[in-house]
Amino acid sequence: MPGNTILVVEDNEKNRRLLRKVLEVTGYTVVEVETGEAGVQAAREHKPDLVLMDYQLPDIDGIEVFNRIRADASIPRMPIIAVTASAMPEDQKRMKDAGFDGFETKPISVTALLANVARFLPPPAKP
C-alpha cells in the first residue's frame, strides 16, 4: 500500500529527481511538477498530504502559488514547506509570514528534509 502523497513543485530537474528518490525510498508517493501553475492544478487534482514548494519558480513565485492553493476551497488544507536556495533570515521570515508550515534550504540535506516532512506525515510503514 503506497504511503502519503507529497507534491513536489520544483523547476530544477536534478532537485526534483533527488526529492523524488529520497521520498519514494522512504515510502511516500510523489507527484512532481515544474511550474507554479502546474502546482496549483496538481494540488486540485491529486489532493496531496503535503507540498514541497520551490520558492523561485519560472512562472509565479512560491508565495503566490501558496496563496492560490490556500484560497482554493476545492483543495484540502495540507502542510506546505518552502524549499529555497535563499537561506537569508529575511527570506525565512517572509516565507513564515506568508504562512508556510516549514522551510528547507538548498542544497537539500536528506536528514533535515525527512525530519521536516516527518513533523507533518509519519514515515510510511515498511512492508
Protein backbone atom coordinates (compact mmCIF):
# COMPACT_ATOMS: atom_id res chain seq x y z
CA MET A 1 0.00 0.00 0.00
CA PRO A 2 1.56 3.35 -1.03
CA GLY A 3 2.28 5.98 1.59
CA ASN A 4 1.02 9.53 1.85
CA THR A 5 1.25 11.65 -1.29
CA ILE A 6 3.72 14.53 -1.46
CA LEU A 7 3.50 17.13 -4.22
CA VAL A 8 6.91 18.46 -5.28
CA VAL A 9 6.78 21.82 -7.09
CA GLU A 10 10.33 22.37 -8.37
CA ASP A 11 11.60 23.64 -11.73
CA ASN A 12 15.11 22.16 -11.45
CA GLU A 13 15.14 18.60 -12.78
CA LYS A 14 18.06 17.46 -10.60
CA ASN A 15 16.39 18.77 -7.44
CA ARG A 16 13.08 17.11 -8.42
CA ARG A 17 14.84 13.81 -9.05
CA LEU A 18 16.64 13.96 -5.69
CA LEU A 19 13.44 14.78 -3.80
CA ARG A 20 11.50 12.06 -5.64
CA LYS A 21 14.12 9.38 -4.96
CA VAL A 22 14.52 10.24 -1.27
CA LEU A 23 10.77 10.40 -0.68
CA GLU A 24 9.92 7.28 -2.68
CA VAL A 25 12.65 5.21 -0.99
CA THR A 26 11.15 6.32 2.32
CA GLY A 27 7.75 5.06 1.13
CA TYR A 28 5.91 8.23 0.13
CA THR A 29 4.06 8.60 -3.15
CA VAL A 30 5.38 11.58 -5.13
CA VAL A 31 3.70 13.82 -7.69
CA GLU A 32 6.08 16.28 -9.30
CA VAL A 33 5.56 19.40 -11.42
CA GLU A 34 7.84 22.14 -12.77
CA THR A 35 5.79 25.35 -12.52
CA GLY A 36 3.61 27.19 -10.05
CA GLU A 37 0.53 26.98 -12.26
CA ALA A 38 1.03 23.21 -12.59
CA GLY A 39 1.45 23.06 -8.80
CA VAL A 40 -1.95 24.62 -8.19
CA GLN A 41 -3.54 22.27 -10.74
CA ALA A 42 -1.79 19.21 -9.25
CA ALA A 43 -2.93 20.19 -5.75
CA ARG A 44 -6.52 20.33 -7.04
CA GLU A 45 -6.22 17.06 -8.91
CA HIS A 46 -4.18 14.90 -6.50
CA LYS A 47 -5.14 16.39 -3.09
CA PRO A 48 -1.65 15.69 -1.65
CA ASP A 49 -0.98 15.22 2.03
CA LEU A 50 1.97 17.66 1.91
CA VAL A 51 3.59 20.04 -0.59
CA LEU A 52 7.29 20.82 -1.03
CA MET A 53 7.30 24.17 -2.83
CA ASP A 54 10.27 25.77 -4.53
CA TYR A 55 10.25 29.48 -3.72
CA GLN A 56 11.61 30.65 -7.10
CA LEU A 57 9.61 29.20 -9.96
CA PRO A 58 9.73 30.22 -13.64
CA ASP A 59 6.13 31.48 -13.87
CA ILE A 60 4.89 32.64 -10.46
CA ASP A 61 6.74 32.64 -7.15
CA GLY A 62 6.15 30.15 -4.36
CA ILE A 63 4.26 32.63 -2.18
CA GLU A 64 1.74 33.27 -4.96
CA VAL A 65 1.33 29.51 -5.51
CA PHE A 66 0.91 29.07 -1.75
CA ASN A 67 -1.78 31.79 -1.68
CA ARG A 68 -3.65 30.28 -4.64
CA ILE A 69 -3.65 26.83 -3.04
CA ARG A 70 -4.85 28.21 0.30
CA ALA A 71 -7.57 30.30 -1.40
CA ASP A 72 -8.97 27.36 -3.42
CA ALA A 73 -11.83 25.78 -1.48
CA SER A 74 -11.56 22.59 -3.58
CA ILE A 75 -8.07 21.88 -2.18
CA PRO A 76 -8.00 20.43 1.33
CA ARG A 77 -5.63 22.18 3.72
CA MET A 78 -2.27 20.44 3.91
CA PRO A 79 1.19 21.45 5.17
CA ILE A 80 3.26 23.39 2.63
CA ILE A 81 7.02 23.52 3.13
CA ALA A 82 9.04 26.15 1.26
CA VAL A 83 12.22 24.90 -0.40
CA THR A 84 14.74 27.52 -1.47
CA ALA A 85 18.39 28.25 -2.13
CA SER A 86 17.93 31.56 -0.32
CA ALA A 87 18.82 30.98 3.33
CA MET A 88 18.86 34.62 4.38
CA PRO A 89 16.94 35.30 7.61
CA GLU A 90 14.72 37.87 5.89
CA ASP A 91 13.68 35.28 3.28
CA GLN A 92 12.83 32.77 6.00
CA LYS A 93 10.79 35.47 7.76
CA ARG A 94 8.98 36.35 4.52
CA MET A 95 8.00 32.71 4.00
CA LYS A 96 6.97 32.26 7.62
CA ASP A 97 4.92 35.48 7.45
CA ALA A 98 3.28 34.19 4.25
CA GLY A 99 2.09 31.16 6.22
CA PHE A 100 4.36 28.34 5.07
CA ASP A 101 4.38 25.48 7.56
CA GLY A 102 8.08 24.80 7.21
CA PHE A 103 11.27 25.80 5.43
CA GLU A 104 14.05 23.78 3.75
CA THR A 105 17.22 25.23 2.27
CA LYS A 106 19.12 24.03 -0.78
CA PRO A 107 21.30 22.16 -1.16
CA ILE A 108 18.93 19.65 0.40
CA SER A 109 20.06 17.79 3.49
CA VAL A 110 18.30 14.43 3.26
CA THR A 111 18.24 14.05 7.05
CA ALA A 112 16.81 17.53 7.63
CA LEU A 113 14.27 17.12 4.81
CA LEU A 114 12.95 13.82 6.15
CA ALA A 115 12.79 15.23 9.68
CA ASN A 116 10.83 18.24 8.42
CA VAL A 117 8.41 16.05 6.44
CA ALA A 118 8.01 13.70 9.46
CA ARG A 119 6.80 16.68 11.53
CA PHE A 120 3.63 16.52 9.42
CA LEU A 121 3.47 13.00 7.98
CA PRO A 122 4.52 9.83 9.74
CA PRO A 123 7.02 7.79 7.75
CA PRO A 124 5.17 5.04 5.88
CA ALA A 125 5.19 1.58 7.45
CA LYS A 126 7.66 -0.80 5.88
CA PRO A 127 6.07 -3.92 4.34
